[in-house]
Amino acid sequence: MAIDQSTRSGASPEQQITRFCRQYLQLDSDLDYPDNEILRDEATQNTLHNQLFDGQVTPPRYRLRVLKELVARIESSITDWDEHVSQN
């Protein structure tokens, strides 16, 4: 079930992350990715890695497709690369 942007934006960061993780683990083909501000957060990135990609319980092609889209969204959310890189 796809959720429109206005509904998703009203969800808390934890709700967005939880929904995304559940959809991913159910092999949903139409994932509701968390908002860009949330994806940009290092703690969110660590949570997603630990919950979704560390145990590698999903089919490799599905995992790769989602990971590529996730990385693209994280990269597009960064407005100042110099500032972001110097923080990490």
PDB file of N, CA and C in Angstrom:
ATOM      1  N   MET A   1       0.842  -1.177   0.000  1.00  0.00           N
ATOM      2  CA  MET A   1       0.000   0.000   0.000  1.00  0.00           C
ATOM      3  C   MET A   1       0.887   1.240   0.000  1.00  0.00           C
ATOM      4  N   ALA A   2       0.802   2.024  -1.021  1.00  0.00           N
ATOM      5  CA  ALA A   2       1.602   3.240  -1.113  1.00  0.00           C
ATOM      6  C   ALA A   2       0.939   4.356  -0.306  1.00  0.00           C
ATOM      7  N   ILE A   3       1.758   5.134   0.352  1.00  0.00           N
ATOM      8  CA  ILE A   3       1.265   6.244   1.154  1.00  0.00           C
ATOM      9  C   ILE A   3       1.700   7.523   0.472  1.00  0.00           C
ATOM     10  N   ASP A   4       0.775   8.464   0.329  1.00  0.00           N
ATOM     11  CA  ASP A   4       1.138   9.695  -0.370  1.00  0.00           C
ATOM     12  C   ASP A   4       2.089  10.532   0.483  1.00  0.00           C
ATOM     13  N   GLN A   5       2.744  11.498  -0.142  1.00  0.00           N
ATOM     14  CA  GLN A   5       3.780  12.304   0.505  1.00  0.00           C
ATOM     15  C   GLN A   5       3.270  13.037   1.734  1.00  0.00           C
ATOM     16  N   SER A   6       2.055  13.576   1.686  1.00  0.00           N
ATOM     17  CA  SER A   6       1.550  14.340   2.823  1.00  0.00           C
ATOM     18  C   SER A   6       1.345  13.450   4.048  1.00  0.00           C
ATOM     19  N   THR A   7       0.896  12.221   3.849  1.00  0.00           N
ATOM     20  CA  THR A   7       0.708  11.306   4.970  1.00  0.00           C
ATOM     21  C   THR A   7       2.056  10.860   5.516  1.00  0.00           C
ATOM     22  N   ARG A   8       2.987  10.532   4.641  1.00  0.00           N
ATOM     23  CA  ARG A   8       4.282  10.055   5.069  1.00  0.00           C
ATOM     24  C   ARG A   8       5.014  11.131   5.852  1.00  0.00           C
ATOM     25  N   SER A   9       4.933  12.377   5.399  1.00  0.00           N
ATOM     26  CA  SER A   9       5.633  13.455   6.086  1.00  0.00           C
ATOM     27  C   SER A   9       5.104  13.657   7.501  1.00  0.00           C
ATOM     28  N   GLY A  10       3.873  13.285   7.768  1.00  0.00           N
ATOM     29  CA  GLY A  10       3.305  13.421   9.096  1.00  0.00           C
ATOM     30  C   GLY A  10       3.776  12.342  10.054  1.00  0.00           C
ATOM     31  N   ALA A  11       4.385  11.289   9.535  1.00  0.00           N
ATOM     32  CA  ALA A  11       4.864  10.197  10.384  1.00  0.00           C
ATOM     33  C   ALA A  11       6.188  10.591  11.026  1.00  0.00           C
ATOM     34  N   SER A  12       6.412  10.103  12.228  1.00  0.00           N
ATOM     35  CA  SER A  12       7.666  10.386  12.921  1.00  0.00           C
ATOM     36  C   SER A  12       8.815   9.651  12.224  1.00  0.00           C
ATOM     37  N   PRO A  13      10.046  10.067  12.465  1.00  0.00           N
ATOM     38  CA  PRO A  13      11.181   9.349  11.871  1.00  0.00           C
ATOM     39  C   PRO A  13      11.180   7.866  12.226  1.00  0.00           C
ATOM     40  N   GLU A  14      10.873   7.544  13.469  1.00  0.00           N
ATOM     41  CA  GLU A  14      10.852   6.143  13.891  1.00  0.00           C
ATOM     42  C   GLU A  14       9.787   5.355  13.125  1.00  0.00           C
ATOM     43  N   GLN A  15       8.619   5.971  12.922  1.00  0.00           N
ATOM     44  CA  GLN A  15       7.552   5.304  12.176  1.00  0.00           C
ATOM     45  C   GLN A  15       7.960   5.068  10.721  1.00  0.00           C
ATOM     46  N   GLN A  16       8.605   6.070  10.130  1.00  0.00           N
ATOM     47  CA  GLN A  16       9.038   5.926   8.741  1.00  0.00           C
ATOM     48  C   GLN A  16      10.090   4.823   8.602  1.00  0.00           C
ATOM     49  N   ILE A  17      11.033   4.773   9.526  1.00  0.00           N
ATOM     50  CA  ILE A  17      12.074   3.745   9.479  1.00  0.00           C
ATOM     51  C   ILE A  17      11.480   2.366   9.708  1.00  0.00           C
ATOM     52  N   THR A  18      10.606   2.259  10.692  1.00  0.00           N
ATOM     53  CA  THR A  18       9.972   0.967  10.991  1.00  0.00           C
ATOM     54  C   THR A  18       9.157   0.470   9.809  1.00  0.00           C
ATOM     55  N   ARG A  19       8.365   1.357   9.200  1.00  0.00           N
ATOM     56  CA  ARG A  19       7.556   0.974   8.039  1.00  0.00           C
ATOM     57  C   ARG A  19       8.449   0.506   6.893  1.00  0.00           C
ATOM     58  N   PHE A  20       9.516   1.254   6.614  1.00  0.00           N
ATOM     59  CA  PHE A  20      10.428   0.897   5.542  1.00  0.00           C
ATOM     60  C   PHE A  20      11.060  -0.474   5.809  1.00  0.00           C
ATOM     61  N   CYS A  21      11.522  -0.707   7.018  1.00  0.00           N
ATOM     62  CA  CYS A  21      12.147  -1.990   7.359  1.00  0.00           C
ATOM     63  C   CYS A  21      11.161  -3.146   7.211  1.00  0.00           C
ATOM     64  N   ARG A  22       9.948  -2.957   7.668  1.00  0.00           N
ATOM     65  CA  ARG A  22       8.932  -4.013   7.545  1.00  0.00           C
ATOM     66  C   ARG A  22       8.614  -4.306   6.085  1.00  0.00           C
ATOM     67  N   GLN A  23       8.472  -3.258   5.283  1.00  0.00           N
ATOM     68  CA  GLN A  23       8.199  -3.460   3.861  1.00  0.00           C
ATOM     69  C   GLN A  23       9.358  -4.195   3.192  1.00  0.00           C
ATOM     70  N   TYR A  24      10.565  -3.805   3.533  1.00  0.00           N
ATOM     71  CA  TYR A  24      11.745  -4.444   2.947  1.00  0.00           C
ATOM     72  C   TYR A  24      11.789  -5.930   3.295  1.00  0.00           C
ATOM     73  N   LEU A  25      11.601  -6.262   4.554  1.00  0.00           N
ATOM     74  CA  LEU A  25      11.675  -7.657   4.986  1.00  0.00           C
ATOM     75  C   LEU A  25      10.529  -8.503   4.438  1.00  0.00           C
ATOM     76  N   GLN A  26       9.435  -7.847   4.032  1.00  0.00           N
ATOM     77  CA  GLN A  26       8.329  -8.553   3.387  1.00  0.00           C
ATOM     78  C   GLN A  26       8.499  -8.590   1.870  1.00  0.00           C
ATOM     79  N   LEU A  27       9.644  -8.103   1.386  1.00  0.00           N
ATOM     80  CA  LEU A  27       9.979  -8.088  -0.043  1.00  0.00           C
ATOM     81  C   LEU A  27       8.978  -7.283  -0.856  1.00  0.00           C
ATOM     82  N   ASP A  28       8.486  -6.213  -0.275  1.00  0.00           N
ATOM     83  CA  ASP A  28       7.549  -5.329  -0.962  1.00  0.00           C
ATOM     84  C   ASP A  28       8.237  -4.705  -2.166  1.00  0.00           C
ATOM     85  N   SER A  29       7.556  -4.654  -3.291  1.00  0.00           N
ATOM     86  CA  SER A  29       8.174  -4.084  -4.497  1.00  0.00           C
ATOM     87  C   SER A  29       8.035  -2.563  -4.565  1.00  0.00           C
ATOM     88  N   ASP A  30       7.141  -1.987  -3.768  1.00  0.00           N
ATOM     89  CA  ASP A  30       6.908  -0.541  -3.786  1.00  0.00           C
ATOM     90  C   ASP A  30       7.155   0.007  -2.378  1.00  0.00           C
ATOM     91  N   LEU A  31       8.425   0.248  -2.051  1.00  0.00           N
ATOM     92  CA  LEU A  31       8.802   0.657  -0.705  1.00  0.00           C
ATOM     93  C   LEU A  31       8.542   2.133  -0.465  1.00  0.00           C
ATOM     94  N   ASP A  32       8.140   2.468   0.759  1.00  0.00           N
ATOM     95  CA  ASP A  32       7.993   3.855   1.192  1.00  0.00           C
ATOM     96  C   ASP A  32       9.290   4.252   1.892  1.00  0.00           C
ATOM     97  N   TYR A  33      10.196   4.846   1.139  1.00  0.00           N
ATOM     98  CA  TYR A  33      11.480   5.252   1.709  1.00  0.00           C
ATOM     99  C   TYR A  33      11.258   6.395   2.689  1.00  0.00           C
ATOM    100  N   PRO A  34      12.032   6.427   3.784  1.00  0.00           N
ATOM    101  CA  PRO A  34      11.941   7.557   4.709  1.00  0.00           C
ATOM    102  C   PRO A  34      12.301   8.864   4.013  1.00  0.00           C
ATOM    103  N   ASP A  35      11.859   9.972   4.579  1.00  0.00           N
ATOM    104  CA  ASP A  35      12.164  11.290   4.033  1.00  0.00           C
ATOM    105  C   ASP A  35      13.678  11.506   3.960  1.00  0.00           C
ATOM    106  N   ASN A  36      14.085  12.400   3.060  1.00  0.00           N
ATOM    107  CA  ASN A  36      15.513  12.665   2.846  1.00  0.00           C
ATOM    108  C   ASN A  36      16.232  13.133   4.105  1.00  0.00           C
ATOM    109  N   GLU A  37      15.586  13.994   4.896  1.00  0.00           N
ATOM    110  CA  GLU A  37      16.237  14.479   6.118  1.00  0.00           C
ATOM    111  C   GLU A  37      16.551  13.321   7.066  1.00  0.00           C
ATOM    112  N   ILE A  38      15.679  12.356   7.084  1.00  0.00           N
ATOM    113  CA  ILE A  38      15.858  11.192   7.951  1.00  0.00           C
ATOM    114  C   ILE A  38      16.966  10.301   7.405  1.00  0.00           C
ATOM    115  N   LEU A  39      16.967  10.086   6.092  1.00  0.00           N
ATOM    116  CA  LEU A  39      17.998   9.241   5.473  1.00  0.00           C
ATOM    117  C   LEU A  39      19.392   9.834   5.624  1.00  0.00           C
ATOM    118  N   ARG A  40      19.491  11.132   5.670  1.00  0.00           N
ATOM    119  CA  ARG A  40      20.780  11.819   5.784  1.00  0.00           C
ATOM    120  C   ARG A  40      21.433  11.573   7.148  1.00  0.00           C
ATOM    121  N   ASP A  41      20.640  11.263   8.147  1.00  0.00           N
ATOM    122  CA  ASP A  41      21.120  11.072   9.517  1.00  0.00           C
ATOM    123  C   ASP A  41      21.955   9.795   9.646  1.00  0.00           C
ATOM    124  N   GLU A  42      23.143   9.924  10.236  1.00  0.00           N
ATOM    125  CA  GLU A  42      24.045   8.783  10.385  1.00  0.00           C
ATOM    126  C   GLU A  42      23.440   7.673  11.245  1.00  0.00           C
ATOM    127  N   ALA A  43      22.721   8.034  12.288  1.00  0.00           N
ATOM    128  CA  ALA A  43      22.095   7.023  13.150  1.00  0.00           C
ATOM    129  C   ALA A  43      21.054   6.224  12.367  1.00  0.00           C
ATOM    130  N   THR A  44      20.307   6.892  11.495  1.00  0.00           N
ATOM    131  CA  THR A  44      19.332   6.206  10.652  1.00  0.00           C
ATOM    132  C   THR A  44      20.040   5.241   9.714  1.00  0.00           C
ATOM    133  N   GLN A  45      21.124   5.690   9.108  1.00  0.00           N
ATOM    134  CA  GLN A  45      21.872   4.834   8.196  1.00  0.00           C
ATOM    135  C   GLN A  45      22.404   3.595   8.917  1.00  0.00           C
ATOM    136  N   ASN A  46      22.898   3.776  10.137  1.00  0.00           N
ATOM    137  CA  ASN A  46      23.378   2.630  10.923  1.00  0.00           C
ATOM    138  C   ASN A  46      22.240   1.673  11.259  1.00  0.00           C
ATOM    139  N   THR A  47      21.091   2.220  11.632  1.00  0.00           N
ATOM    140  CA  THR A  47      19.927   1.394  11.947  1.00  0.00           C
ATOM    141  C   THR A  47      19.503   0.574  10.733  1.00  0.00           C
ATOM    142  N   LEU A  48      19.406   1.224   9.579  1.00  0.00           N
ATOM    143  CA  LEU A  48      19.010   0.508   8.364  1.00  0.00           C
ATOM    144  C   LEU A  48      20.017  -0.578   8.020  1.00  0.00           C
ATOM    145  N   HIS A  49      21.287  -0.281   8.141  1.00  0.00           N
ATOM    146  CA  HIS A  49      22.311  -1.296   7.853  1.00  0.00           C
ATOM    147  C   HIS A  49      22.160  -2.494   8.789  1.00  0.00           C
ATOM    148  N   ASN A  50      22.050  -2.217  10.077  1.00  0.00           N
ATOM    149  CA  ASN A  50      21.970  -3.299  11.060  1.00  0.00           C
ATOM    150  C   ASN A  50      20.705  -4.135  10.903  1.00  0.00           C
ATOM    151  N   GLN A  51      19.579  -3.494  10.624  1.00  0.00           N
ATOM    152  CA  GLN A  51      18.311  -4.215  10.551  1.00  0.00           C
ATOM    153  C   GLN A  51      18.073  -4.897   9.208  1.00  0.00           C
ATOM    154  N   LEU A  52      18.644  -4.342   8.133  1.00  0.00           N
ATOM    155  CA  LEU A  52      18.289  -4.848   6.807  1.00  0.00           C
ATOM    156  C   LEU A  52      19.416  -5.558   6.078  1.00  0.00           C
ATOM    157  N   PHE A  53      20.615  -5.071   6.183  1.00  0.00           N
ATOM    158  CA  PHE A  53      21.670  -5.580   5.320  1.00  0.00           C
ATOM    159  C   PHE A  53      22.731  -6.391   6.039  1.00  0.00           C
ATOM    160  N   ASP A  54      22.802  -6.308   7.356  1.00  0.00           N
ATOM    161  CA  ASP A  54      23.836  -7.016   8.099  1.00  0.00           C
ATOM    162  C   ASP A  54      23.593  -8.523   8.109  1.00  0.00           C
ATOM    163  N   GLY A  55      22.328  -8.933   8.288  1.00  0.00           N
ATOM    164  CA  GLY A  55      22.008 -10.355   8.344  1.00  0.00           C
ATOM    165  C   GLY A  55      21.795 -10.988   6.981  1.00  0.00           C
ATOM    166  N   GLN A  56      21.555 -10.188   5.958  1.00  0.00           N
ATOM    167  CA  GLN A  56      21.378 -10.628   4.579  1.00  0.00           C
ATOM    168  C   GLN A  56      20.361 -11.765   4.457  1.00  0.00           C
ATOM    169  N   VAL A  57      19.131 -11.509   4.898  1.00  0.00           N
ATOM    170  CA  VAL A  57      18.078 -12.520   4.847  1.00  0.00           C
ATOM    171  C   VAL A  57      17.209 -12.421   3.600  1.00  0.00           C
ATOM    172  N   THR A  58      17.434 -11.415   2.779  1.00  0.00           N
ATOM    173  CA  THR A  58      16.629 -11.218   1.577  1.00  0.00           C
ATOM    174  C   THR A  58      17.395 -11.701   0.348  1.00  0.00           C
ATOM    175  N   PRO A  59      16.685 -11.970  -0.742  1.00  0.00           N
ATOM    176  CA  PRO A  59      17.360 -12.406  -1.967  1.00  0.00           C
ATOM    177  C   PRO A  59      18.378 -11.357  -2.436  1.00  0.00           C
ATOM    178  N   PRO A  60      19.530 -11.788  -2.920  1.00  0.00           N
ATOM    179  CA  PRO A  60      20.597 -10.852  -3.301  1.00  0.00           C
ATOM    180  C   PRO A  60      20.176  -9.794  -4.320  1.00  0.00           C
ATOM    181  N   ARG A  61      19.395 -10.141  -5.325  1.00  0.00           N
ATOM    182  CA  ARG A  61      19.002  -9.165  -6.341  1.00  0.00           C
ATOM    183  C   ARG A  61      18.068  -8.104  -5.758  1.00  0.00           C
ATOM    184  N   TYR A  62      17.166  -8.527  -4.884  1.00  0.00           N
ATOM    185  CA  TYR A  62      16.263  -7.582  -4.221  1.00  0.00           C
ATOM    186  C   TYR A  62      17.073  -6.639  -3.335  1.00  0.00           C
ATOM    187  N   ARG A  63      17.983  -7.219  -2.561  1.00  0.00           N
ATOM    188  CA  ARG A  63      18.823  -6.436  -1.651  1.00  0.00           C
ATOM    189  C   ARG A  63      19.637  -5.406  -2.440  1.00  0.00           C
ATOM    190  N   LEU A  64      20.222  -5.804  -3.560  1.00  0.00           N
ATOM    191  CA  LEU A  64      21.016  -4.894  -4.366  1.00  0.00           C
ATOM    192  C   LEU A  64      20.168  -3.771  -4.948  1.00  0.00           C
ATOM    193  N   ARG A  65      18.981  -4.113  -5.444  1.00  0.00           N
ATOM    194  CA  ARG A  65      18.091  -3.096  -6.014  1.00  0.00           C
ATOM    195  C   ARG A  65      17.724  -2.046  -4.971  1.00  0.00           C
ATOM    196  N   VAL A  66      17.363  -2.501  -3.771  1.00  0.00           N
ATOM    197  CA  VAL A  66      16.968  -1.578  -2.703  1.00  0.00           C
ATOM    198  C   VAL A  66      18.171  -0.771  -2.222  1.00  0.00           C
ATOM    199  N   LEU A  67      19.313  -1.420  -2.084  1.00  0.00           N
ATOM    200  CA  LEU A  67      20.506  -0.731  -1.612  1.00  0.00           C
ATOM    201  C   LEU A  67      20.936   0.360  -2.586  1.00  0.00           C
ATOM    202  N   LYS A  68      20.867   0.094  -3.889  1.00  0.00           N
ATOM    203  CA  LYS A  68      21.223   1.106  -4.894  1.00  0.00           C
ATOM    204  C   LYS A  68      20.298   2.322  -4.800  1.00  0.00           C
ATOM    205  N   GLU A  69      19.007   2.079  -4.653  1.00  0.00           N
ATOM    206  CA  GLU A  69      18.047   3.181  -4.539  1.00  0.00           C
ATOM    207  C   GLU A  69      18.259   3.942  -3.231  1.00  0.00           C
ATOM    208  N   LEU A  70      18.518   3.222  -2.167  1.00  0.00           N
ATOM    209  CA  LEU A  70      18.739   3.848  -0.866  1.00  0.00           C
ATOM    210  C   LEU A  70      19.972   4.745  -0.894  1.00  0.00           C
ATOM    211  N   VAL A  71      21.063   4.267  -1.467  1.00  0.00           N
ATOM    212  CA  VAL A  71      22.285   5.057  -1.572  1.00  0.00           C
ATOM    213  C   VAL A  71      22.038   6.293  -2.441  1.00  0.00           C
ATOM    214  N   ALA A  72      21.323   6.130  -3.538  1.00  0.00           N
ATOM    215  CA  ALA A  72      21.015   7.265  -4.416  1.00  0.00           C
ATOM    216  C   ALA A  72      20.204   8.321  -3.664  1.00  0.00           C
ATOM    217  N   ARG A  73      19.243   7.883  -2.866  1.00  0.00           N
ATOM    218  CA  ARG A  73      18.432   8.831  -2.100  1.00  0.00           C
ATOM    219  C   ARG A  73      19.249   9.529  -1.021  1.00  0.00           C
ATOM    220  N   ILE A  74      20.145   8.790  -0.376  1.00  0.00           N
ATOM    221  CA  ILE A  74      21.007   9.399   0.641  1.00  0.00           C
ATOM    222  C   ILE A  74      21.908  10.433  -0.014  1.00  0.00           C
ATOM    223  N   GLU A  75      22.513  10.066  -1.140  1.00  0.00           N
ATOM    224  CA  GLU A  75      23.399  11.006  -1.837  1.00  0.00           C
ATOM    225  C   GLU A  75      22.644  12.254  -2.296  1.00  0.00           C
ATOM    226  N   SER A  76      21.438  12.081  -2.798  1.00  0.00           N
ATOM    227  CA  SER A  76      20.678  13.242  -3.273  1.00  0.00           C
ATOM    228  C   SER A  76      20.199  14.126  -2.120  1.00  0.00           C
ATOM    229  N   SER A  77      20.147  13.571  -0.918  1.00  0.00           N
ATOM    230  CA  SER A  77      19.699  14.362   0.233  1.00  0.00           C
ATOM    231  C   SER A  77      20.796  15.266   0.787  1.00  0.00           C
ATOM    232  N   ILE A  78      22.027  15.024   0.403  1.00  0.00           N
ATOM    233  CA  ILE A  78      23.149  15.810   0.915  1.00  0.00           C
ATOM    234  C   ILE A  78      23.257  17.091   0.101  1.00  0.00           C
ATOM    235  N   THR A  79      23.106  18.220   0.774  1.00  0.00           N
ATOM    236  CA  THR A  79      23.141  19.512   0.079  1.00  0.00           C
ATOM    237  C   THR A  79      24.538  20.119   0.058  1.00  0.00           C
ATOM    238  N   ASP A  80      25.348  19.843   1.066  1.00  0.00           N
ATOM    239  CA  ASP A  80      26.704  20.375   1.130  1.00  0.00           C
ATOM    240  C   ASP A  80      27.661  19.218   1.409  1.00  0.00           C
ATOM    241  N   TRP A  81      28.269  18.700   0.354  1.00  0.00           N
ATOM    242  CA  TRP A  81      29.151  17.542   0.490  1.00  0.00           C
ATOM    243  C   TRP A  81      30.360  17.852   1.363  1.00  0.00           C
ATOM    244  N   ASP A  82      30.921  19.048   1.257  1.00  0.00           N
ATOM    245  CA  ASP A  82      32.088  19.392   2.067  1.00  0.00           C
ATOM    246  C   ASP A  82      31.749  19.335   3.556  1.00  0.00           C
ATOM    247  N   GLU A  83      30.603  19.861   3.906  1.00  0.00           N
ATOM    248  CA  GLU A  83      30.179  19.845   5.310  1.00  0.00           C
ATOM    249  C   GLU A  83      29.896  18.419   5.761  1.00  0.00           C
ATOM    250  N   HIS A  84      29.231  17.639   4.943  1.00  0.00           N
ATOM    251  CA  HIS A  84      28.868  16.270   5.308  1.00  0.00           C
ATOM    252  C   HIS A  84      30.115  15.397   5.473  1.00  0.00           C
ATOM    253  N   VAL A  85      31.049  15.508   4.564  1.00  0.00           N
ATOM    254  CA  VAL A  85      32.265  14.688   4.623  1.00  0.00           C
ATOM    255  C   VAL A  85      33.125  15.091   5.806  1.00  0.00           C
ATOM    256  N   SER A  86      33.206  16.361   6.131  1.00  0.00           N
ATOM    257  CA  SER A  86      34.036  16.800   7.260  1.00  0.00           C
ATOM    258  C   SER A  86      33.457  16.371   8.602  1.00  0.00           C
ATOM    259  N   GLN A  87      32.146  16.122   8.657  1.00  0.00           N
ATOM    260  CA  GLN A  87      31.515  15.671   9.899  1.00  0.00           C
ATOM    261  C   GLN A  87      31.819  14.213  10.180  1.00  0.00           C
ATOM    262  N   ASN A  88      32.070  13.437   9.154  1.00  0.00           N
ATOM    263  CA  ASN A  88      32.279  11.987   9.331  1.00  0.00           C
ATOM    264  C   ASN A  88      33.706  11.628   9.280  1.00  0.00           C
TER     265      ASN A  88
END
